[in-house]
Amino acid sequence: MAQKQYHVTGMSCEHCVASVTEEVSEVPGVSEVVVELAANTVTVHGTDLDDERLRAAIVEAGYVVADSVAA
């Protein structure tokens, strides 16, 4: 299983978590989304994860991908 992690800015509440989780979960291959507000990270687990589509899903949820983290 692959994993990708992103630093995301603008998330501050459980609504933010739900929005990001919902959008990212719709990307093909995603099996789990873990949002950590305190760390400002979104970690995605799955197979054949498409970085561009994952970033677009986070942006669609209304947040900014500041950076990706090697996982």
N, C-alpha and C. Protein backbone atom coordinates (compact mmCIF):
# COMPACT_ATOMS: atom_id res chain seq x y z
N MET A 1 0.84 -1.17 0.00
CA MET A 1 0.00 0.00 0.00
C MET A 1 0.89 1.24 0.00
N ALA A 2 0.53 2.21 -0.79
CA ALA A 2 1.29 3.46 -0.89
C ALA A 2 0.77 4.47 0.13
N GLN A 3 1.60 5.46 0.41
CA GLN A 3 1.22 6.53 1.33
C GLN A 3 1.78 7.84 0.81
N LYS A 4 0.98 8.89 0.88
CA LYS A 4 1.43 10.24 0.54
C LYS A 4 0.99 11.15 1.67
N GLN A 5 1.85 12.12 2.00
CA GLN A 5 1.51 13.06 3.07
C GLN A 5 1.75 14.47 2.58
N TYR A 6 0.83 15.37 2.96
CA TYR A 6 0.89 16.76 2.53
C TYR A 6 0.77 17.70 3.72
N HIS A 7 1.50 18.81 3.68
CA HIS A 7 1.30 19.91 4.63
C HIS A 7 0.20 20.76 4.01
N VAL A 8 -0.86 21.00 4.78
CA VAL A 8 -2.02 21.73 4.27
C VAL A 8 -2.31 22.90 5.20
N THR A 9 -2.49 24.09 4.64
CA THR A 9 -2.79 25.25 5.47
C THR A 9 -4.27 25.60 5.40
N GLY A 10 -4.75 26.22 6.48
CA GLY A 10 -6.12 26.70 6.52
C GLY A 10 -7.10 25.80 7.26
N MET A 11 -6.67 24.62 7.68
CA MET A 11 -7.56 23.71 8.40
C MET A 11 -7.54 24.06 9.89
N SER A 12 -8.75 24.14 10.51
CA SER A 12 -8.77 24.52 11.92
C SER A 12 -9.85 23.83 12.76
N CYS A 13 -10.72 23.02 12.14
CA CYS A 13 -11.83 22.45 12.90
C CYS A 13 -12.25 21.10 12.31
N GLU A 14 -13.20 20.47 12.97
CA GLU A 14 -13.68 19.17 12.51
C GLU A 14 -14.40 19.27 11.16
N HIS A 15 -14.99 20.42 10.86
CA HIS A 15 -15.60 20.61 9.54
C HIS A 15 -14.52 20.55 8.46
N CYS A 16 -13.38 21.13 8.75
CA CYS A 16 -12.25 21.08 7.82
C CYS A 16 -11.83 19.63 7.57
N VAL A 17 -11.73 18.87 8.66
CA VAL A 17 -11.36 17.46 8.56
C VAL A 17 -12.35 16.72 7.67
N ALA A 18 -13.64 16.94 7.91
CA ALA A 18 -14.68 16.26 7.14
C ALA A 18 -14.63 16.64 5.66
N SER A 19 -14.43 17.92 5.38
CA SER A 19 -14.37 18.39 3.99
C SER A 19 -13.21 17.76 3.22
N VAL A 20 -12.03 17.79 3.83
CA VAL A 20 -10.85 17.22 3.18
C VAL A 20 -11.01 15.71 3.02
N THR A 21 -11.47 15.05 4.07
CA THR A 21 -11.64 13.60 4.02
C THR A 21 -12.62 13.20 2.92
N GLU A 22 -13.73 13.92 2.82
CA GLU A 22 -14.74 13.61 1.80
C GLU A 22 -14.18 13.76 0.39
N GLU A 23 -13.53 14.89 0.12
CA GLU A 23 -13.00 15.14 -1.23
C GLU A 23 -11.89 14.15 -1.60
N VAL A 24 -10.96 13.94 -0.70
CA VAL A 24 -9.82 13.08 -1.00
C VAL A 24 -10.26 11.62 -1.13
N SER A 25 -11.24 11.21 -0.35
CA SER A 25 -11.74 9.83 -0.41
C SER A 25 -12.32 9.47 -1.77
N GLU A 26 -12.75 10.48 -2.52
CA GLU A 26 -13.33 10.24 -3.84
C GLU A 26 -12.29 9.97 -4.93
N VAL A 27 -11.02 10.22 -4.64
CA VAL A 27 -9.95 9.99 -5.62
C VAL A 27 -9.73 8.47 -5.74
N PRO A 28 -9.71 7.96 -6.97
CA PRO A 28 -9.50 6.52 -7.17
C PRO A 28 -8.23 6.01 -6.49
N GLY A 29 -8.33 4.86 -5.85
CA GLY A 29 -7.19 4.23 -5.20
C GLY A 29 -7.04 4.56 -3.73
N VAL A 30 -7.76 5.57 -3.24
CA VAL A 30 -7.64 5.98 -1.84
C VAL A 30 -8.41 5.01 -0.95
N SER A 31 -7.73 4.50 0.08
CA SER A 31 -8.40 3.60 1.03
C SER A 31 -8.57 4.24 2.40
N GLU A 32 -7.73 5.22 2.74
CA GLU A 32 -7.82 5.88 4.04
C GLU A 32 -7.24 7.28 3.96
N VAL A 33 -7.90 8.22 4.66
CA VAL A 33 -7.43 9.60 4.75
C VAL A 33 -7.32 9.95 6.22
N VAL A 34 -6.15 10.43 6.64
CA VAL A 34 -5.94 10.82 8.04
C VAL A 34 -5.55 12.30 8.05
N VAL A 35 -6.41 13.12 8.67
CA VAL A 35 -6.15 14.55 8.78
C VAL A 35 -5.74 14.86 10.21
N GLU A 36 -4.59 15.51 10.37
CA GLU A 36 -4.11 15.90 11.70
C GLU A 36 -4.06 17.42 11.77
N LEU A 37 -5.04 17.99 12.47
CA LEU A 37 -5.13 19.45 12.56
C LEU A 37 -3.90 20.06 13.22
N ALA A 38 -3.45 19.48 14.32
CA ALA A 38 -2.32 20.04 15.07
C ALA A 38 -1.05 20.10 14.23
N ALA A 39 -0.87 19.12 13.37
CA ALA A 39 0.32 19.05 12.53
C ALA A 39 0.11 19.66 11.15
N ASN A 40 -1.14 20.04 10.84
CA ASN A 40 -1.48 20.57 9.51
C ASN A 40 -1.09 19.60 8.41
N THR A 41 -1.39 18.32 8.62
CA THR A 41 -1.05 17.32 7.61
C THR A 41 -2.27 16.52 7.18
N VAL A 42 -2.19 16.05 5.96
CA VAL A 42 -3.16 15.09 5.41
C VAL A 42 -2.33 13.92 4.91
N THR A 43 -2.61 12.74 5.44
CA THR A 43 -1.92 11.52 5.03
C THR A 43 -2.92 10.64 4.31
N VAL A 44 -2.53 10.18 3.13
CA VAL A 44 -3.42 9.37 2.30
C VAL A 44 -2.79 8.00 2.09
N HIS A 45 -3.57 6.96 2.31
CA HIS A 45 -3.14 5.58 2.09
C HIS A 45 -3.96 5.00 0.94
N GLY A 46 -3.34 4.15 0.13
CA GLY A 46 -4.06 3.51 -0.95
C GLY A 46 -3.12 2.90 -1.97
N THR A 47 -3.65 2.63 -3.14
CA THR A 47 -2.87 2.04 -4.21
C THR A 47 -2.92 2.95 -5.44
N ASP A 48 -1.83 3.01 -6.18
CA ASP A 48 -1.75 3.83 -7.39
C ASP A 48 -2.22 5.26 -7.14
N LEU A 49 -1.71 5.90 -6.08
CA LEU A 49 -2.14 7.25 -5.72
C LEU A 49 -1.58 8.27 -6.70
N ASP A 50 -2.45 9.10 -7.23
CA ASP A 50 -2.10 10.13 -8.20
C ASP A 50 -1.90 11.46 -7.46
N ASP A 51 -0.65 11.90 -7.36
CA ASP A 51 -0.31 13.11 -6.61
C ASP A 51 -1.12 14.32 -7.08
N GLU A 52 -1.22 14.49 -8.37
CA GLU A 52 -1.93 15.64 -8.93
C GLU A 52 -3.40 15.63 -8.54
N ARG A 53 -4.03 14.48 -8.61
CA ARG A 53 -5.46 14.37 -8.26
C ARG A 53 -5.67 14.57 -6.76
N LEU A 54 -4.75 14.08 -5.94
CA LEU A 54 -4.86 14.27 -4.49
C LEU A 54 -4.74 15.75 -4.14
N ARG A 55 -3.77 16.42 -4.73
CA ARG A 55 -3.61 17.86 -4.48
C ARG A 55 -4.85 18.63 -4.93
N ALA A 56 -5.39 18.27 -6.09
CA ALA A 56 -6.58 18.94 -6.61
C ALA A 56 -7.78 18.73 -5.68
N ALA A 57 -7.90 17.55 -5.09
CA ALA A 57 -9.00 17.26 -4.18
C ALA A 57 -8.89 18.12 -2.91
N ILE A 58 -7.69 18.30 -2.41
CA ILE A 58 -7.49 19.14 -1.23
C ILE A 58 -7.85 20.59 -1.55
N VAL A 59 -7.43 21.06 -2.71
CA VAL A 59 -7.76 22.42 -3.15
C VAL A 59 -9.27 22.55 -3.33
N GLU A 60 -9.90 21.56 -3.91
CA GLU A 60 -11.35 21.56 -4.11
C GLU A 60 -12.09 21.67 -2.77
N ALA A 61 -11.51 21.09 -1.73
CA ALA A 61 -12.11 21.17 -0.39
C ALA A 61 -11.95 22.56 0.21
N GLY A 62 -11.09 23.39 -0.40
CA GLY A 62 -10.94 24.76 0.05
C GLY A 62 -9.67 25.08 0.80
N TYR A 63 -8.65 24.23 0.66
CA TYR A 63 -7.42 24.41 1.42
C TYR A 63 -6.21 24.46 0.49
N VAL A 64 -5.09 24.90 1.04
CA VAL A 64 -3.87 25.08 0.26
C VAL A 64 -2.86 23.99 0.62
N VAL A 65 -2.36 23.32 -0.41
CA VAL A 65 -1.29 22.34 -0.20
C VAL A 65 0.02 23.11 -0.20
N ALA A 66 0.63 23.21 0.98
CA ALA A 66 1.86 23.99 1.11
C ALA A 66 3.06 23.20 0.63
N ASP A 67 3.02 21.87 0.82
CA ASP A 67 4.17 21.04 0.49
C ASP A 67 3.76 19.58 0.61
N SER A 68 4.51 18.72 -0.03
CA SER A 68 4.30 17.28 0.19
C SER A 68 5.50 16.76 0.96
N VAL A 69 5.27 15.69 1.69
CA VAL A 69 6.30 15.10 2.53
C VAL A 69 6.63 13.73 1.96
N ALA A 70 7.90 13.42 1.83
CA ALA A 70 8.29 12.09 1.35
C ALA A 70 7.79 11.06 2.35
N ALA A 71 7.12 10.04 1.83
CA ALA A 71 6.57 9.00 2.73
C ALA A 71 7.10 7.64 2.35
